[in-house]
Structure formats: C-alpha cells, structure tokens
Amino acid sequence: MSKIANGYKMQSVVSDAITGKTIATKDVEASDKANVLKAVGTLASEVRTVLGDTAPESAKLAEAETFTSGSLEATHQCARRLKRLTF
C-alpha cells in the first residue's frame, strides 16, 4: 500500500509458486483511510478471479467482509499480532 495524491493505492502481484512467473498484477485505489478496507476486498475478489474462482462477484465480496473493522489502524494492529503467532 502506498500513499498517493488522492488517497491510497494497493497492488497485488500474483505469481506462479513454482516458476516465479507473474500471472497478473492488480491495482486498486481508495480515496481515504475509511475506504481502504473496502478496496482490499475488491482487490481480493479480482485476484480470486485471476486464480480461477468462478463464484459470482457478489459472493466473493461478501466473503471478503468476514473480517470487519472501522479502523485501518486496528486492522494493522490485528495483522501484526497474527503475524507473531506460530502454528
């Protein structure tokens, strides 16, 4: 994620795990912090489509909402804590 003049830009690069070859690159933008999480859901849906998911767009977006937060900062803290967990 990077800050741009009119908000935030997120990019996902989808690569073949064996060859390392880039399959697709997807970008989304959010006008402000309040819209970043929604944009991430849209990005996830686009990546799922590239990977062959044939579920309807509405279903993919609904599944993207399984994690909700009204705060980008809270999401960041949650991600940091999850990263520290060992399985």
C-alpha atoms as a PDB file:
ATOM      1  CA  MET A   1       0.000   0.000   0.000  1.00  0.00           C
ATOM      2  CA  SER A   2       1.269   3.428  -0.841  1.00  0.00           C
ATOM      3  CA  LYS A   3       0.020   6.933  -0.257  1.00  0.00           C
ATOM      4  CA  ILE A   4      -0.837   8.777  -3.451  1.00  0.00           C
ATOM      5  CA  ALA A   5      -2.002  12.343  -4.009  1.00  0.00           C
ATOM      6  CA  ASN A   6      -5.696  11.468  -3.915  1.00  0.00           C
ATOM      7  CA  GLY A   7      -5.685   8.609  -1.370  1.00  0.00           C
ATOM      8  CA  TYR A   8      -4.085   5.178  -1.234  1.00  0.00           C
ATOM      9  CA  LYS A   9      -3.028   2.636  -3.836  1.00  0.00           C
ATOM     10  CA  MET A  10      -2.782  -1.102  -3.234  1.00  0.00           C
ATOM     11  CA  GLN A  11      -1.208  -3.598  -5.595  1.00  0.00           C
ATOM     12  CA  SER A  12      -1.193  -7.367  -5.682  1.00  0.00           C
ATOM     13  CA  VAL A  13       1.193  -9.326  -7.859  1.00  0.00           C
ATOM     14  CA  VAL A  14       0.036 -12.900  -8.487  1.00  0.00           C
ATOM     15  CA  SER A  15       2.945 -15.237  -9.186  1.00  0.00           C
ATOM     16  CA  ASP A  16       3.314 -18.913 -10.024  1.00  0.00           C
ATOM     17  CA  ALA A  17       4.719 -20.515  -6.882  1.00  0.00           C
ATOM     18  CA  ILE A  18       6.987 -22.871  -8.842  1.00  0.00           C
ATOM     19  CA  THR A  19       8.316 -20.727 -11.673  1.00  0.00           C
ATOM     20  CA  GLY A  20       8.027 -17.308 -10.065  1.00  0.00           C
ATOM     21  CA  LYS A  21       6.457 -16.037 -13.281  1.00  0.00           C
ATOM     22  CA  THR A  22       3.996 -13.194 -12.795  1.00  0.00           C
ATOM     23  CA  ILE A  23       0.482 -14.292 -13.675  1.00  0.00           C
ATOM     24  CA  ALA A  24      -1.226 -10.947 -13.115  1.00  0.00           C
ATOM     25  CA  THR A  25      -0.873  -7.601 -11.418  1.00  0.00           C
ATOM     26  CA  LYS A  26      -3.966  -5.941  -9.968  1.00  0.00           C
ATOM     27  CA  ASP A  27      -4.273  -2.420  -8.568  1.00  0.00           C
ATOM     28  CA  VAL A  28      -6.995  -0.663  -6.608  1.00  0.00           C
ATOM     29  CA  GLU A  29      -7.230   2.795  -5.103  1.00  0.00           C
ATOM     30  CA  ALA A  30      -9.056   4.176  -2.102  1.00  0.00           C
ATOM     31  CA  SER A  31      -9.860   7.848  -1.721  1.00  0.00           C
ATOM     32  CA  ASP A  32      -9.165   7.831   2.038  1.00  0.00           C
ATOM     33  CA  LYS A  33      -8.417   5.563   5.018  1.00  0.00           C
ATOM     34  CA  ALA A  34     -12.115   4.879   5.536  1.00  0.00           C
ATOM     35  CA  ASN A  35     -12.300   3.202   2.119  1.00  0.00           C
ATOM     36  CA  VAL A  36      -9.059   1.180   2.251  1.00  0.00           C
ATOM     37  CA  LEU A  37     -10.611  -1.983   3.679  1.00  0.00           C
ATOM     38  CA  LYS A  38     -13.368  -1.982   1.057  1.00  0.00           C
ATOM     39  CA  ALA A  39     -10.731  -1.554  -1.660  1.00  0.00           C
ATOM     40  CA  VAL A  40      -8.771  -4.512  -0.237  1.00  0.00           C
ATOM     41  CA  GLY A  41     -11.931  -6.629  -0.546  1.00  0.00           C
ATOM     42  CA  THR A  42     -12.244  -5.574  -4.180  1.00  0.00           C
ATOM     43  CA  LEU A  43      -8.580  -6.409  -4.782  1.00  0.00           C
ATOM     44  CA  ALA A  44      -9.023  -9.837  -3.196  1.00  0.00           C
ATOM     45  CA  SER A  45     -12.021 -10.503  -5.420  1.00  0.00           C
ATOM     46  CA  GLU A  46     -10.039  -9.577  -8.543  1.00  0.00           C
ATOM     47  CA  VAL A  47      -7.170 -11.860  -7.507  1.00  0.00           C
ATOM     48  CA  ARG A  48      -9.572 -14.734  -6.870  1.00  0.00           C
ATOM     49  CA  THR A  49     -10.936 -14.301 -10.394  1.00  0.00           C
ATOM     50  CA  VAL A  50      -7.413 -14.416 -11.861  1.00  0.00           C
ATOM     51  CA  LEU A  51      -6.793 -17.636  -9.941  1.00  0.00           C
ATOM     52  CA  GLY A  52      -9.869 -19.236 -11.453  1.00  0.00           C
ATOM     53  CA  ASP A  53     -12.585 -18.651  -8.861  1.00  0.00           C
ATOM     54  CA  THR A  54     -15.918 -18.744 -10.688  1.00  0.00           C
ATOM     55  CA  ALA A  55     -18.085 -17.618  -7.767  1.00  0.00           C
ATOM     56  CA  PRO A  56     -20.298 -14.629  -8.533  1.00  0.00           C
ATOM     57  CA  GLU A  57     -18.751 -11.240  -7.734  1.00  0.00           C
ATOM     58  CA  SER A  58     -21.367 -10.626  -5.045  1.00  0.00           C
ATOM     59  CA  ALA A  59     -20.387 -13.844  -3.243  1.00  0.00           C
ATOM     60  CA  LYS A  60     -16.684 -13.015  -3.382  1.00  0.00           C
ATOM     61  CA  LEU A  61     -17.276  -9.531  -1.991  1.00  0.00           C
ATOM     62  CA  ALA A  62     -19.497 -10.904   0.778  1.00  0.00           C
ATOM     63  CA  GLU A  63     -16.756 -13.367   1.763  1.00  0.00           C
ATOM     64  CA  ALA A  64     -14.223 -10.530   1.810  1.00  0.00           C
ATOM     65  CA  GLU A  65     -16.250  -8.992   4.622  1.00  0.00           C
ATOM     66  CA  THR A  66     -15.572 -11.840   7.052  1.00  0.00           C
ATOM     67  CA  PHE A  67     -13.112  -9.533   8.811  1.00  0.00           C
ATOM     68  CA  THR A  68     -14.525  -6.149   9.657  1.00  0.00           C
ATOM     69  CA  SER A  69     -13.107  -3.116  11.365  1.00  0.00           C
ATOM     70  CA  GLY A  70     -13.966   0.530  11.285  1.00  0.00           C
ATOM     71  CA  SER A  71     -10.325   1.442  11.674  1.00  0.00           C
ATOM     72  CA  LEU A  72      -7.366   0.895   9.389  1.00  0.00           C
ATOM     73  CA  GLU A  73      -5.105   1.222  12.441  1.00  0.00           C
ATOM     74  CA  ALA A  74      -6.994  -1.555  14.273  1.00  0.00           C
ATOM     75  CA  THR A  75      -6.637  -3.779  11.217  1.00  0.00           C
ATOM     76  CA  HIS A  76      -2.911  -3.076  11.126  1.00  0.00           C
ATOM     77  CA  GLN A  77      -2.522  -3.988  14.800  1.00  0.00           C
ATOM     78  CA  CYS A  78      -4.520  -7.188  14.297  1.00  0.00           C
ATOM     79  CA  ALA A  79      -2.348  -8.187  11.324  1.00  0.00           C
ATOM     80  CA  ARG A  80       0.826  -7.550  13.345  1.00  0.00           C
ATOM     81  CA  ARG A  81      -0.434  -9.752  16.186  1.00  0.00           C
ATOM     82  CA  LEU A  82      -1.480 -12.522  13.809  1.00  0.00           C
ATOM     83  CA  LYS A  83       1.928 -12.421  12.158  1.00  0.00           C
ATOM     84  CA  ARG A  84       3.565 -13.125  15.555  1.00  0.00           C
ATOM     85  CA  LEU A  85       1.502 -16.281  16.091  1.00  0.00           C
ATOM     86  CA  THR A  86       3.164 -19.571  15.349  1.00  0.00           C
ATOM     87  CA  PHE A  87       1.202 -22.549  14.149  1.00  0.00           C
END
